[in-house]
Structures are given as C-alpha cells and as structure tokens.
C-alpha cells in the first residue's frame, strides 16, 4: 500500500486523492477479509493496476491538469 500511495502522489494531487487511496485500501482490506492474496486484486503488474486506478480519476492526475492548462492557454491566445 505504501508503494502504491507513493506512486499515486507522484502522479496526482488533489482533494480526490484521499478518496482514491481509501478505495484501494478498502480493496486490500476486503481481499484480506476474504482470505484472498493481495496479488489476486493487483494482478501480475502492480504498475498497471495503479495506472488503471488513476485512469478512473483523470481529473486528479497531473497529466490531465497539464492537458487542460494547455487547452485553456491555446483557446485564450490573443
């Protein structure tokens, strides 16, 4: 969880990040409660798992924010 949290914070910031982290933590807690290994939740590639989570919240990512800033700058050119 700590590695995923660190990865998320390098890719995204914002009020919604806590919501994202809580949802991932709940996934892990549910897996443990069901006696399932975390690998059953994460799959074979933890980076792909993390990127999939972030893709569900594009408004929280730096990339999305930078894309929108570029679009605004271009649309407001003089």
PDB file of N, CA and C in Angstrom:
ATOM      1  N   UNK A   1       0.831  -1.193   0.000  1.00  0.00           N
ATOM      2  CA  UNK A   1       0.000   0.000   0.000  1.00  0.00           C
ATOM      3  C   UNK A   1       0.867   1.245   0.000  1.00  0.00           C
ATOM      4  N   UNK A   2       1.958   1.221   0.780  1.00  0.00           N
ATOM      5  CA  UNK A   2       2.826   2.403   0.825  1.00  0.00           C
ATOM      6  C   UNK A   2       3.436   2.708  -0.536  1.00  0.00           C
ATOM      7  N   UNK A   3       3.822   1.672  -1.268  1.00  0.00           N
ATOM      8  CA  UNK A   3       4.408   1.884  -2.598  1.00  0.00           C
ATOM      9  C   UNK A   3       3.372   2.464  -3.563  1.00  0.00           C
ATOM     10  N   UNK A   4       2.161   1.950  -3.499  1.00  0.00           N
ATOM     11  CA  UNK A   4       1.098   2.470  -4.363  1.00  0.00           C
ATOM     12  C   UNK A   4       0.786   3.915  -3.993  1.00  0.00           C
ATOM     13  N   UNK A   5       0.716   4.189  -2.704  1.00  0.00           N
ATOM     14  CA  UNK A   5       0.443   5.555  -2.248  1.00  0.00           C
ATOM     15  C   UNK A   5       1.513   6.519  -2.753  1.00  0.00           C
ATOM     16  N   UNK A   6       2.769   6.131  -2.636  1.00  0.00           N
ATOM     17  CA  UNK A   6       3.867   6.989  -3.120  1.00  0.00           C
ATOM     18  C   UNK A   6       3.735   7.216  -4.625  1.00  0.00           C
ATOM     19  N   UNK A   7       3.426   6.173  -5.364  1.00  0.00           N
ATOM     20  CA  UNK A   7       3.257   6.284  -6.813  1.00  0.00           C
ATOM     21  C   UNK A   7       2.115   7.235  -7.149  1.00  0.00           C
ATOM     22  N   UNK A   8       0.984   7.062  -6.469  1.00  0.00           N
ATOM     23  CA  UNK A   8      -0.153   7.937  -6.726  1.00  0.00           C
ATOM     24  C   UNK A   8       0.191   9.397  -6.481  1.00  0.00           C
ATOM     25  N   UNK A   9       0.884   9.679  -5.376  1.00  0.00           N
ATOM     26  CA  UNK A   9       1.201  11.071  -5.050  1.00  0.00           C
ATOM     27  C   UNK A   9       2.186  11.680  -6.038  1.00  0.00           C
ATOM     28  N   UNK A  10       2.984  10.851  -6.739  1.00  0.00           N
ATOM     29  CA  UNK A  10       3.873  11.416  -7.764  1.00  0.00           C
ATOM     30  C   UNK A  10       3.123  11.675  -9.061  1.00  0.00           C
ATOM     31  N   UNK A  11       2.003  10.999  -9.240  1.00  0.00           N
ATOM     32  CA  UNK A  11       1.228  11.146 -10.466  1.00  0.00           C
ATOM     33  C   UNK A  11       0.038  12.086 -10.319  1.00  0.00           C
ATOM     34  N   UNK A  12      -0.401  12.307  -9.105  1.00  0.00           N
ATOM     35  CA  UNK A  12      -1.633  13.064  -8.911  1.00  0.00           C
ATOM     36  C   UNK A  12      -1.608  13.791  -7.578  1.00  0.00           C
ATOM     37  N   UNK A  13      -2.384  14.824  -7.517  1.00  0.00           N
ATOM     38  CA  UNK A  13      -2.586  15.586  -6.282  1.00  0.00           C
ATOM     39  C   UNK A  13      -4.014  16.087  -6.300  1.00  0.00           C
ATOM     40  N   UNK A  14      -4.493  16.426  -5.161  1.00  0.00           N
ATOM     41  CA  UNK A  14      -5.819  17.000  -5.099  1.00  0.00           C
ATOM     42  C   UNK A  14      -6.650  16.368  -4.009  1.00  0.00           C
ATOM     43  N   UNK A  15      -7.783  16.988  -3.777  1.00  0.00           N
ATOM     44  CA  UNK A  15      -8.682  16.519  -2.732  1.00  0.00           C
ATOM     45  C   UNK A  15      -9.166  15.099  -2.982  1.00  0.00           C
ATOM     46  N   UNK A  16      -9.285  14.725  -4.224  1.00  0.00           N
ATOM     47  CA  UNK A  16      -9.781  13.402  -4.563  1.00  0.00           C
ATOM     48  C   UNK A  16      -8.797  12.279  -4.300  1.00  0.00           C
ATOM     49  N   UNK A  17      -7.517  12.607  -4.087  1.00  0.00           N
ATOM     50  CA  UNK A  17      -6.524  11.564  -3.858  1.00  0.00           C
ATOM     51  C   UNK A  17      -6.836  10.743  -2.614  1.00  0.00           C
ATOM     52  N   UNK A  18      -7.318  11.366  -1.567  1.00  0.00           N
ATOM     53  CA  UNK A  18      -7.644  10.605  -0.369  1.00  0.00           C
ATOM     54  C   UNK A  18      -8.767   9.616  -0.658  1.00  0.00           C
ATOM     55  N   UNK A  19      -9.722  10.009  -1.449  1.00  0.00           N
ATOM     56  CA  UNK A  19     -10.813   9.115  -1.848  1.00  0.00           C
ATOM     57  C   UNK A  19     -10.256   7.917  -2.618  1.00  0.00           C
ATOM     58  N   UNK A  20      -9.311   8.169  -3.504  1.00  0.00           N
ATOM     59  CA  UNK A  20      -8.686   7.104  -4.287  1.00  0.00           C
ATOM     60  C   UNK A  20      -7.923   6.160  -3.361  1.00  0.00           C
ATOM     61  N   UNK A  21      -7.125   6.715  -2.468  1.00  0.00           N
ATOM     62  CA  UNK A  21      -6.335   5.882  -1.556  1.00  0.00           C
ATOM     63  C   UNK A  21      -7.232   5.042  -0.652  1.00  0.00           C
ATOM     64  N   UNK A  22      -8.294   5.626  -0.178  1.00  0.00           N
ATOM     65  CA  UNK A  22      -9.232   4.887   0.672  1.00  0.00           C
ATOM     66  C   UNK A  22      -9.868   3.745  -0.103  1.00  0.00           C
ATOM     67  N   UNK A  23     -10.216   3.979  -1.362  1.00  0.00           N
ATOM     68  CA  UNK A  23     -10.844   2.913  -2.154  1.00  0.00           C
ATOM     69  C   UNK A  23      -9.875   1.749  -2.384  1.00  0.00           C
ATOM     70  N   UNK A  24      -8.596   2.059  -2.615  1.00  0.00           N
ATOM     71  CA  UNK A  24      -7.600   0.994  -2.799  1.00  0.00           C
ATOM     72  C   UNK A  24      -7.394   0.249  -1.487  1.00  0.00           C
ATOM     73  N   UNK A  25      -7.309   0.976  -0.398  1.00  0.00           N
ATOM     74  CA  UNK A  25      -7.161   0.344   0.904  1.00  0.00           C
ATOM     75  C   UNK A  25      -8.343  -0.583   1.191  1.00  0.00           C
ATOM     76  N   UNK A  26      -9.535  -0.151   0.854  1.00  0.00           N
ATOM     77  CA  UNK A  26     -10.720  -0.997   1.052  1.00  0.00           C
ATOM     78  C   UNK A  26     -10.656  -2.256   0.190  1.00  0.00           C
ATOM     79  N   UNK A  27     -10.149  -2.130  -1.040  1.00  0.00           N
ATOM     80  CA  UNK A  27      -9.965  -3.320  -1.879  1.00  0.00           C
ATOM     81  C   UNK A  27      -9.044  -4.322  -1.199  1.00  0.00           C
ATOM     82  N   UNK A  28      -7.934  -3.814  -0.655  1.00  0.00           N
ATOM     83  CA  UNK A  28      -6.970  -4.684   0.017  1.00  0.00           C
ATOM     84  C   UNK A  28      -7.551  -5.285   1.290  1.00  0.00           C
ATOM     85  N   UNK A  29      -8.250  -4.474   2.061  1.00  0.00           N
ATOM     86  CA  UNK A  29      -8.866  -4.979   3.296  1.00  0.00           C
ATOM     87  C   UNK A  29      -9.897  -6.059   2.998  1.00  0.00           C
ATOM     88  N   UNK A  30     -10.683  -5.862   1.961  1.00  0.00           N
ATOM     89  CA  UNK A  30     -11.681  -6.863   1.577  1.00  0.00           C
ATOM     90  C   UNK A  30     -11.014  -8.156   1.128  1.00  0.00           C
ATOM     91  N   UNK A  31      -9.910  -8.048   0.410  1.00  0.00           N
ATOM     92  CA  UNK A  31      -9.180  -9.245  -0.017  1.00  0.00           C
ATOM     93  C   UNK A  31      -8.670 -10.018   1.197  1.00  0.00           C
ATOM     94  N   UNK A  32      -8.118  -9.309   2.161  1.00  0.00           N
ATOM     95  CA  UNK A  32      -7.618  -9.963   3.367  1.00  0.00           C
ATOM     96  C   UNK A  32      -8.769 -10.604   4.139  1.00  0.00           C
ATOM     97  N   UNK A  33      -9.882  -9.901   4.249  1.00  0.00           N
ATOM     98  CA  UNK A  33     -11.048 -10.440   4.958  1.00  0.00           C
ATOM     99  C   UNK A  33     -11.584 -11.697   4.282  1.00  0.00           C
ATOM    100  N   UNK A  34     -11.435 -11.790   2.959  1.00  0.00           N
ATOM    101  CA  UNK A  34     -11.895 -12.961   2.206  1.00  0.00           C
ATOM    102  C   UNK A  34     -10.813 -14.033   2.090  1.00  0.00           C
ATOM    103  N   UNK A  35      -9.702 -13.840   2.806  1.00  0.00           N
ATOM    104  CA  UNK A  35      -8.551 -14.756   2.743  1.00  0.00           C
ATOM    105  C   UNK A  35      -7.989 -14.877   1.332  1.00  0.00           C
ATOM    106  N   UNK A  36      -8.088 -13.795   0.567  1.00  0.00           N
ATOM    107  CA  UNK A  36      -7.515 -13.753  -0.778  1.00  0.00           C
ATOM    108  C   UNK A  36      -6.183 -13.022  -0.719  1.00  0.00           C
ATOM    109  N   UNK A  37      -5.220 -13.473  -1.496  1.00  0.00           N
ATOM    110  CA  UNK A  37      -3.949 -12.747  -1.520  1.00  0.00           C
ATOM    111  C   UNK A  37      -4.135 -11.392  -2.225  1.00  0.00           C
ATOM    112  N   UNK A  38      -3.332 -10.433  -1.838  1.00  0.00           N
ATOM    113  CA  UNK A  38      -3.378  -9.110  -2.472  1.00  0.00           C
ATOM    114  C   UNK A  38      -3.088  -9.236  -3.970  1.00  0.00           C
ATOM    115  N   UNK A  39      -2.272 -10.210  -4.328  1.00  0.00           N
ATOM    116  CA  UNK A  39      -1.954 -10.408  -5.744  1.00  0.00           C
ATOM    117  C   UNK A  39      -3.202 -10.722  -6.567  1.00  0.00           C
ATOM    118  N   UNK A  40      -4.233 -11.264  -5.924  1.00  0.00           N
ATOM    119  CA  UNK A  40      -5.486 -11.514  -6.638  1.00  0.00           C
ATOM    120  C   UNK A  40      -6.174 -10.202  -7.006  1.00  0.00           C
ATOM    121  N   UNK A  41      -5.941  -9.164  -6.224  1.00  0.00           N
ATOM    122  CA  UNK A  41      -6.511  -7.841  -6.503  1.00  0.00           C
ATOM    123  C   UNK A  41      -5.634  -7.095  -7.497  1.00  0.00           C
ATOM    124  N   UNK A  42      -4.340  -7.135  -7.265  1.00  0.00           N
ATOM    125  CA  UNK A  42      -3.384  -6.344  -8.047  1.00  0.00           C
ATOM    126  C   UNK A  42      -3.126  -6.954  -9.423  1.00  0.00           C
ATOM    127  N   UNK A  43      -3.094  -8.261  -9.505  1.00  0.00           N
ATOM    128  CA  UNK A  43      -2.759  -8.910 -10.764  1.00  0.00           C
ATOM    129  C   UNK A  43      -1.262  -9.080 -10.912  1.00  0.00           C
ATOM    130  N   UNK A  44      -0.832  -9.295 -12.143  1.00  0.00           N
ATOM    131  CA  UNK A  44       0.580  -9.574 -12.414  1.00  0.00           C
ATOM    132  C   UNK A  44       1.458  -8.335 -12.455  1.00  0.00           C
ATOM    133  N   UNK A  45       0.871  -7.166 -12.678  1.00  0.00           N
ATOM    134  CA  UNK A  45       1.655  -5.935 -12.834  1.00  0.00           C
ATOM    135  C   UNK A  45       1.073  -4.838 -11.958  1.00  0.00           C
ATOM    136  N   UNK A  46       1.757  -4.549 -10.864  1.00  0.00           N
ATOM    137  CA  UNK A  46       1.241  -3.560  -9.910  1.00  0.00           C
ATOM    138  C   UNK A  46       1.179  -2.162 -10.519  1.00  0.00           C
ATOM    139  N   UNK A  47       2.107  -1.843 -11.430  1.00  0.00           N
ATOM    140  CA  UNK A  47       2.077  -0.525 -12.075  1.00  0.00           C
ATOM    141  C   UNK A  47       0.840  -0.405 -12.966  1.00  0.00           C
ATOM    142  N   UNK A  48       0.501  -1.468 -13.662  1.00  0.00           N
ATOM    143  CA  UNK A  48      -0.703  -1.455 -14.489  1.00  0.00           C
ATOM    144  C   UNK A  48      -1.951  -1.311 -13.613  1.00  0.00           C
ATOM    145  N   UNK A  49      -1.960  -1.994 -12.476  1.00  0.00           N
ATOM    146  CA  UNK A  49      -3.063  -1.866 -11.527  1.00  0.00           C
ATOM    147  C   UNK A  49      -3.207  -0.413 -11.088  1.00  0.00           C
ATOM    148  N   UNK A  50      -2.096   0.204 -10.694  1.00  0.00           N
ATOM    149  CA  UNK A  50      -2.122   1.592 -10.228  1.00  0.00           C
ATOM    150  C   UNK A  50      -2.568   2.536 -11.345  1.00  0.00           C
ATOM    151  N   UNK A  51      -2.059   2.334 -12.549  1.00  0.00           N
ATOM    152  CA  UNK A  51      -2.449   3.187 -13.675  1.00  0.00           C
ATOM    153  C   UNK A  51      -3.928   3.036 -14.008  1.00  0.00           C
ATOM    154  N   UNK A  52      -4.456   1.841 -13.858  1.00  0.00           N
ATOM    155  CA  UNK A  52      -5.876   1.607 -14.101  1.00  0.00           C
ATOM    156  C   UNK A  52      -6.719   2.370 -13.082  1.00  0.00           C
ATOM    157  N   UNK A  53      -6.283   2.347 -11.839  1.00  0.00           N
ATOM    158  CA  UNK A  53      -6.989   3.107 -10.793  1.00  0.00           C
ATOM    159  C   UNK A  53      -6.964   4.596 -11.141  1.00  0.00           C
ATOM    160  N   UNK A  54      -5.777   5.119 -11.470  1.00  0.00           N
ATOM    161  CA  UNK A  54      -5.663   6.541 -11.798  1.00  0.00           C
ATOM    162  C   UNK A  54      -6.477   6.911 -13.032  1.00  0.00           C
ATOM    163  N   UNK A  55      -6.595   5.991 -13.978  1.00  0.00           N
ATOM    164  CA  UNK A  55      -7.383   6.263 -15.186  1.00  0.00           C
ATOM    165  C   UNK A  55      -8.855   6.475 -14.857  1.00  0.00           C
ATOM    166  N   UNK A  56      -9.289   5.899 -13.744  1.00  0.00           N
ATOM    167  CA  UNK A  56     -10.678   6.092 -13.316  1.00  0.00           C
ATOM    168  C   UNK A  56     -10.905   7.476 -12.710  1.00  0.00           C
ATOM    169  N   UNK A  57      -9.818   8.188 -12.417  1.00  0.00           N
ATOM    170  CA  UNK A  57      -9.896   9.516 -11.795  1.00  0.00           C
ATOM    171  C   UNK A  57      -8.993  10.498 -12.551  1.00  0.00           C
ATOM    172  N   UNK A  58      -9.208  10.694 -13.847  1.00  0.00           N
ATOM    173  CA  UNK A  58      -8.280  11.529 -14.623  1.00  0.00           C
ATOM    174  C   UNK A  58      -8.203  12.970 -14.116  1.00  0.00           C
ATOM    175  N   UNK A  59      -9.270  13.446 -13.503  1.00  0.00           N
ATOM    176  CA  UNK A  59      -9.274  14.822 -13.025  1.00  0.00           C
ATOM    177  C   UNK A  59      -8.278  15.057 -11.893  1.00  0.00           C
ATOM    178  N   UNK A  60      -7.776  13.984 -11.297  1.00  0.00           N
ATOM    179  CA  UNK A  60      -6.820  14.113 -10.196  1.00  0.00           C
ATOM    180  C   UNK A  60      -5.365  14.014 -10.645  1.00  0.00           C
ATOM    181  N   UNK A  61      -5.126  13.638 -11.898  1.00  0.00           N
ATOM    182  CA  UNK A  61      -3.750  13.421 -12.328  1.00  0.00           C
ATOM    183  C   UNK A  61      -3.098  14.701 -12.834  1.00  0.00           C
ATOM    184  N   UNK A  62      -1.782  14.758 -12.674  1.00  0.00           N
ATOM    185  CA  UNK A  62      -1.019  15.903 -13.174  1.00  0.00           C
ATOM    186  C   UNK A  62      -1.140  15.996 -14.683  1.00  0.00           C
ATOM    187  N   UNK A  63      -1.113  14.858 -15.349  1.00  0.00           N
ATOM    188  CA  UNK A  63      -1.182  14.858 -16.804  1.00  0.00           C
ATOM    189  C   UNK A  63      -2.476  15.493 -17.282  1.00  0.00           C
ATOM    190  N   UNK A  64      -3.577  15.116 -16.683  1.00  0.00           N
ATOM    191  CA  UNK A  64      -4.860  15.689 -17.065  1.00  0.00           C
ATOM    192  C   UNK A  64      -4.894  17.186 -16.777  1.00  0.00           C
ATOM    193  N   UNK A  65      -4.365  17.590 -15.636  1.00  0.00           N
ATOM    194  CA  UNK A  65      -4.342  19.016 -15.292  1.00  0.00           C
ATOM    195  C   UNK A  65      -3.484  19.802 -16.270  1.00  0.00           C
ATOM    196  N   UNK A  66      -2.349  19.231 -16.678  1.00  0.00           N
ATOM    197  CA  UNK A  66      -1.482  19.918 -17.630  1.00  0.00           C
ATOM    198  C   UNK A  66      -2.120  19.982 -19.020  1.00  0.00           C
ATOM    199  N   UNK A  67      -2.795  18.913 -19.416  1.00  0.00           N
ATOM    200  CA  UNK A  67      -3.504  18.933 -20.697  1.00  0.00           C
ATOM    201  C   UNK A  67      -4.557  20.035 -20.714  1.00  0.00           C
ATOM    202  N   UNK A  68      -5.315  20.134 -19.629  1.00  0.00           N
ATOM    203  CA  UNK A  68      -6.360  21.156 -19.560  1.00  0.00           C
ATOM    204  C   UNK A  68      -5.772  22.559 -19.545  1.00  0.00           C
ATOM    205  N   UNK A  69      -4.638  22.744 -18.867  1.00  0.00           N
ATOM    206  CA  UNK A  69      -3.980  24.055 -18.857  1.00  0.00           C
ATOM    207  C   UNK A  69      -3.509  24.420 -20.262  1.00  0.00           C
ATOM    208  N   UNK A  70      -2.977  23.459 -20.983  1.00  0.00           N
ATOM    209  CA  UNK A  70      -2.542  23.697 -22.359  1.00  0.00           C
ATOM    210  C   UNK A  70      -3.735  24.070 -23.237  1.00  0.00           C
ATOM    211  N   UNK A  71      -4.816  23.348 -23.078  1.00  0.00           N
ATOM    212  CA  UNK A  71      -6.020  23.659 -23.870  1.00  0.00           C
ATOM    213  C   UNK A  71      -6.530  25.063 -23.561  1.00  0.00           C
ATOM    214  N   UNK A  72      -6.564  25.421 -22.284  1.00  0.00           N
ATOM    215  CA  UNK A  72      -7.034  26.766 -21.903  1.00  0.00           C
ATOM    216  C   UNK A  72      -6.117  27.844 -22.475  1.00  0.00           C
ATOM    217  N   UNK A  73      -4.821  27.624 -22.398  1.00  0.00           N
ATOM    218  CA  UNK A  73      -3.870  28.605 -22.926  1.00  0.00           C
ATOM    219  C   UNK A  73      -4.047  28.772 -24.441  1.00  0.00           C
ATOM    220  N   UNK A  74      -4.243  27.674 -25.119  1.00  0.00           N
ATOM    221  CA  UNK A  74      -4.411  27.725 -26.569  1.00  0.00           C
ATOM    222  C   UNK A  74      -5.731  28.417 -26.935  1.00  0.00           C
ATOM    223  N   UNK A  75      -6.779  28.117 -26.206  1.00  0.00           N
ATOM    224  CA  UNK A  75      -8.090  28.710 -26.505  1.00  0.00           C
ATOM    225  C   UNK A  75      -8.156  30.184 -26.159  1.00  0.00           C
ATOM    226  N   UNK A  76      -7.292  30.654 -25.282  1.00  0.00           N
ATOM    227  CA  UNK A  76      -7.296  32.056 -24.883  1.00  0.00           C
ATOM    228  C   UNK A  76      -6.160  32.857 -25.515  1.00  0.00           C
ATOM    229  N   UNK A  77      -5.597  32.306 -26.569  1.00  0.00           N
ATOM    230  CA  UNK A  77      -4.490  33.007 -27.219  1.00  0.00           C
ATOM    231  C   UNK A  77      -5.010  34.310 -27.856  1.00  0.00           C
ATOM    232  N   UNK A  78      -4.167  35.256 -27.969  1.00  0.00           N
ATOM    233  CA  UNK A  78      -4.608  36.542 -28.470  1.00  0.00           C
ATOM    234  C   UNK A  78      -4.112  36.920 -29.740  1.00  0.00           C
TER     235      UNK A  78
END
